Amino acid sequence: QVQLVESGGGLVQPGGSLRLSCTASGIIFSRYSMGWFRQAPGKKREFVAVINGSGGSTSYRDSVKGRFTISRDNAKNTGYLQMNSLKPEDTAVYYCNAHGVLEKGDYWGQGTQVTVSS
């Protein structure tokens, strides 16, 4: 059974930092690209960042470029999203996604809440 478990969310003041983690089980993690998405109340889920299976290629939405960094450790079956200089508009539930490249499959975590507020 495939599971993606996110952690690291919480309440942080504007300008602060958080690091989200996403640990996968039941898949060969390196055969999947990993992405982070977010959904704010009343809004559609949106793309935040993605990293390929080897970790050599990344992409970000424009509003987080220079502030967020996506990374992965395939030996630990874990991906990360380092979020710096957080803004209130970053408040959302953050979801990780594993999308099969060399395998079939598309999996989602349960989400972790990030709230940026003073």
C-alpha atoms as a PDB file:
ATOM      1  CA  GLN A   1       0.000   0.000   0.000  1.00  0.00           C
ATOM      2  CA  VAL A   2       1.370   3.383  -1.016  1.00  0.00           C
ATOM      3  CA  GLN A   3       1.507   6.124   1.578  1.00  0.00           C
ATOM      4  CA  LEU A   4       2.795   9.678   1.519  1.00  0.00           C
ATOM      5  CA  VAL A   5       2.996  11.309   4.932  1.00  0.00           C
ATOM      6  CA  GLU A   6       3.637  15.043   5.246  1.00  0.00           C
ATOM      7  CA  SER A   7       4.914  16.787   8.342  1.00  0.00           C
ATOM      8  CA  GLY A   8       6.379  20.115   9.361  1.00  0.00           C
ATOM      9  CA  GLY A   9       3.441  22.450   8.992  1.00  0.00           C
ATOM     10  CA  GLY A  10       2.422  24.950  11.639  1.00  0.00           C
ATOM     11  CA  LEU A  11       1.909  28.560  12.562  1.00  0.00           C
ATOM     12  CA  VAL A  12       4.691  31.004  11.720  1.00  0.00           C
ATOM     13  CA  GLN A  13       5.008  34.779  11.663  1.00  0.00           C
ATOM     14  CA  PRO A  14       5.495  36.651   8.392  1.00  0.00           C
ATOM     15  CA  GLY A  15       9.135  36.463   7.369  1.00  0.00           C
ATOM     16  CA  GLY A  16       9.606  33.165   9.152  1.00  0.00           C
ATOM     17  CA  SER A  17      10.588  29.736   7.854  1.00  0.00           C
ATOM     18  CA  LEU A  18       9.234  26.209   7.844  1.00  0.00           C
ATOM     19  CA  ARG A  19      10.463  22.955   6.344  1.00  0.00           C
ATOM     20  CA  LEU A  20       7.906  20.466   5.145  1.00  0.00           C
ATOM     21  CA  SER A  21       8.753  16.786   4.770  1.00  0.00           C
ATOM     22  CA  CYS A  22       7.031  14.081   2.759  1.00  0.00           C
ATOM     23  CA  THR A  23       7.970  10.477   3.438  1.00  0.00           C
ATOM     24  CA  ALA A  24       6.880   7.814   0.973  1.00  0.00           C
ATOM     25  CA  SER A  25       6.358   4.108   1.492  1.00  0.00           C
ATOM     26  CA  GLY A  26       5.223   1.366  -0.862  1.00  0.00           C
ATOM     27  CA  ILE A  27       6.927   2.816  -3.947  1.00  0.00           C
ATOM     28  CA  ILE A  28      10.419   3.010  -5.397  1.00  0.00           C
ATOM     29  CA  PHE A  29      10.703   6.691  -4.593  1.00  0.00           C
ATOM     30  CA  SER A  30      13.404   7.519  -7.133  1.00  0.00           C
ATOM     31  CA  ARG A  31      11.113   6.411  -9.980  1.00  0.00           C
ATOM     32  CA  TYR A  32       8.687   9.213  -9.155  1.00  0.00           C
ATOM     33  CA  SER A  33       8.857  12.946  -9.548  1.00  0.00           C
ATOM     34  CA  MET A  34       7.743  14.691  -6.398  1.00  0.00           C
ATOM     35  CA  GLY A  35       5.708  17.835  -6.230  1.00  0.00           C
ATOM     36  CA  TRP A  36       4.235  20.152  -3.659  1.00  0.00           C
ATOM     37  CA  PHE A  37       0.831  21.728  -4.133  1.00  0.00           C
ATOM     38  CA  ARG A  38      -1.253  23.951  -1.883  1.00  0.00           C
ATOM     39  CA  GLN A  39      -4.876  24.844  -1.403  1.00  0.00           C
ATOM     40  CA  ALA A  40      -6.084  27.941   0.406  1.00  0.00           C
ATOM     41  CA  PRO A  41      -9.659  28.209   1.701  1.00  0.00           C
ATOM     42  CA  GLY A  42     -12.089  28.838  -1.141  1.00  0.00           C
ATOM     43  CA  LYS A  43      -9.406  28.420  -3.792  1.00  0.00           C
ATOM     44  CA  LYS A  44      -8.348  25.671  -6.166  1.00  0.00           C
ATOM     45  CA  ARG A  45      -5.316  23.518  -5.452  1.00  0.00           C
ATOM     46  CA  GLU A  46      -2.260  25.059  -7.109  1.00  0.00           C
ATOM     47  CA  PHE A  47       1.191  23.918  -8.080  1.00  0.00           C
ATOM     48  CA  VAL A  48       4.067  25.086  -5.876  1.00  0.00           C
ATOM     49  CA  ALA A  49       7.197  23.153  -6.887  1.00  0.00           C
ATOM     50  CA  VAL A  50       8.358  19.898  -8.442  1.00  0.00           C
ATOM     51  CA  ILE A  51      11.587  17.900  -8.492  1.00  0.00           C
ATOM     52  CA  ASN A  52      12.478  15.015 -10.782  1.00  0.00           C
ATOM     53  CA  GLY A  53      13.349  11.539  -9.590  1.00  0.00           C
ATOM     54  CA  SER A  54      17.096  12.074  -9.408  1.00  0.00           C
ATOM     55  CA  GLY A  55      16.792  15.505  -7.852  1.00  0.00           C
ATOM     56  CA  GLY A  56      18.637  17.163 -10.698  1.00  0.00           C
ATOM     57  CA  SER A  57      15.790  19.270 -12.036  1.00  0.00           C
ATOM     58  CA  THR A  58      13.357  21.552 -10.232  1.00  0.00           C
ATOM     59  CA  SER A  59      10.604  23.988 -11.119  1.00  0.00           C
ATOM     60  CA  TYR A  60       8.653  26.545  -9.068  1.00  0.00           C
ATOM     61  CA  ARG A  61       5.645  28.757  -9.353  1.00  0.00           C
ATOM     62  CA  ASP A  62       6.709  32.345  -9.834  1.00  0.00           C
ATOM     63  CA  SER A  63       5.422  33.625  -6.494  1.00  0.00           C
ATOM     64  CA  VAL A  64       7.707  31.300  -4.483  1.00  0.00           C
ATOM     65  CA  LYS A  65      10.877  31.516  -6.581  1.00  0.00           C
ATOM     66  CA  GLY A  66      13.815  32.627  -4.460  1.00  0.00           C
ATOM     67  CA  ARG A  67      11.947  31.849  -1.226  1.00  0.00           C
ATOM     68  CA  PHE A  68      11.133  28.119  -1.432  1.00  0.00           C
ATOM     69  CA  THR A  69      13.511  25.250  -2.170  1.00  0.00           C
ATOM     70  CA  ILE A  70      12.421  21.737  -3.056  1.00  0.00           C
ATOM     71  CA  SER A  71      14.780  18.823  -2.467  1.00  0.00           C
ATOM     72  CA  ARG A  72      14.757  15.085  -1.923  1.00  0.00           C
ATOM     73  CA  ASP A  73      16.754  12.312  -0.276  1.00  0.00           C
ATOM     74  CA  ASN A  74      16.003   9.090  -2.142  1.00  0.00           C
ATOM     75  CA  ALA A  75      17.911   7.021   0.406  1.00  0.00           C
ATOM     76  CA  LYS A  76      15.358   8.162   2.996  1.00  0.00           C
ATOM     77  CA  ASN A  77      12.355   8.070   0.628  1.00  0.00           C
ATOM     78  CA  THR A  78      11.717  11.649   1.686  1.00  0.00           C
ATOM     79  CA  GLY A  79      11.155  14.942  -0.054  1.00  0.00           C
ATOM     80  CA  TYR A  80      11.345  18.404   1.425  1.00  0.00           C
ATOM     81  CA  LEU A  81      10.079  21.908   0.884  1.00  0.00           C
ATOM     82  CA  GLN A  82      12.112  24.588   2.624  1.00  0.00           C
ATOM     83  CA  MET A  83      10.018  27.738   2.873  1.00  0.00           C
ATOM     84  CA  ASN A  84      11.695  31.017   3.807  1.00  0.00           C
ATOM     85  CA  SER A  85      10.436  34.595   3.965  1.00  0.00           C
ATOM     86  CA  LEU A  86       6.911  33.335   4.396  1.00  0.00           C
ATOM     87  CA  LYS A  87       4.021  35.654   3.619  1.00  0.00           C
ATOM     88  CA  PRO A  88       0.383  35.566   4.751  1.00  0.00           C
ATOM     89  CA  GLU A  89      -0.607  34.614   1.196  1.00  0.00           C
ATOM     90  CA  ASP A  90       1.371  31.387   1.593  1.00  0.00           C
ATOM     91  CA  THR A  91      -1.226  30.220   4.102  1.00  0.00           C
ATOM     92  CA  ALA A  92      -2.753  26.976   2.826  1.00  0.00           C
ATOM     93  CA  VAL A  93      -2.886  23.233   3.234  1.00  0.00           C
ATOM     94  CA  TYR A  94       0.219  21.856   1.546  1.00  0.00           C
ATOM     95  CA  TYR A  95       0.090  18.493  -0.196  1.00  0.00           C
ATOM     96  CA  CYS A  96       2.892  16.368  -1.574  1.00  0.00           C
ATOM     97  CA  ASN A  97       2.445  14.363  -4.741  1.00  0.00           C
ATOM     98  CA  ALA A  98       4.419  11.465  -6.211  1.00  0.00           C
ATOM     99  CA  HIS A  99       3.948  11.087  -9.950  1.00  0.00           C
ATOM    100  CA  GLY A 100       5.283   7.997 -11.678  1.00  0.00           C
ATOM    101  CA  VAL A 101       7.861   8.532 -14.392  1.00  0.00           C
ATOM    102  CA  LEU A 102       9.331   5.049 -14.685  1.00  0.00           C
ATOM    103  CA  GLU A 103       6.345   3.563 -12.866  1.00  0.00           C
ATOM    104  CA  LYS A 104       2.603   4.010 -13.211  1.00  0.00           C
ATOM    105  CA  GLY A 105       0.961   5.822 -10.361  1.00  0.00           C
ATOM    106  CA  ASP A 106      -0.012   9.194  -8.956  1.00  0.00           C
ATOM    107  CA  TYR A 107      -0.237   9.517  -5.199  1.00  0.00           C
ATOM    108  CA  TRP A 108      -1.112  12.258  -2.714  1.00  0.00           C
ATOM    109  CA  GLY A 109      -0.417  12.857   0.928  1.00  0.00           C
ATOM    110  CA  GLN A 110      -3.047  13.899   3.434  1.00  0.00           C
ATOM    111  CA  GLY A 111      -1.872  17.506   3.630  1.00  0.00           C
ATOM    112  CA  THR A 112      -0.308  19.670   6.303  1.00  0.00           C
ATOM    113  CA  GLN A 113      -1.555  23.105   7.354  1.00  0.00           C
ATOM    114  CA  VAL A 114       0.733  26.110   7.016  1.00  0.00           C
ATOM    115  CA  THR A 115      -0.506  29.347   8.565  1.00  0.00           C
ATOM    116  CA  VAL A 116       1.452  32.583   8.238  1.00  0.00           C
ATOM    117  CA  SER A 117       0.123  35.192  10.604  1.00  0.00           C
ATOM    118  CA  SER A 118       1.257  37.689  13.203  1.00  0.00           C
END
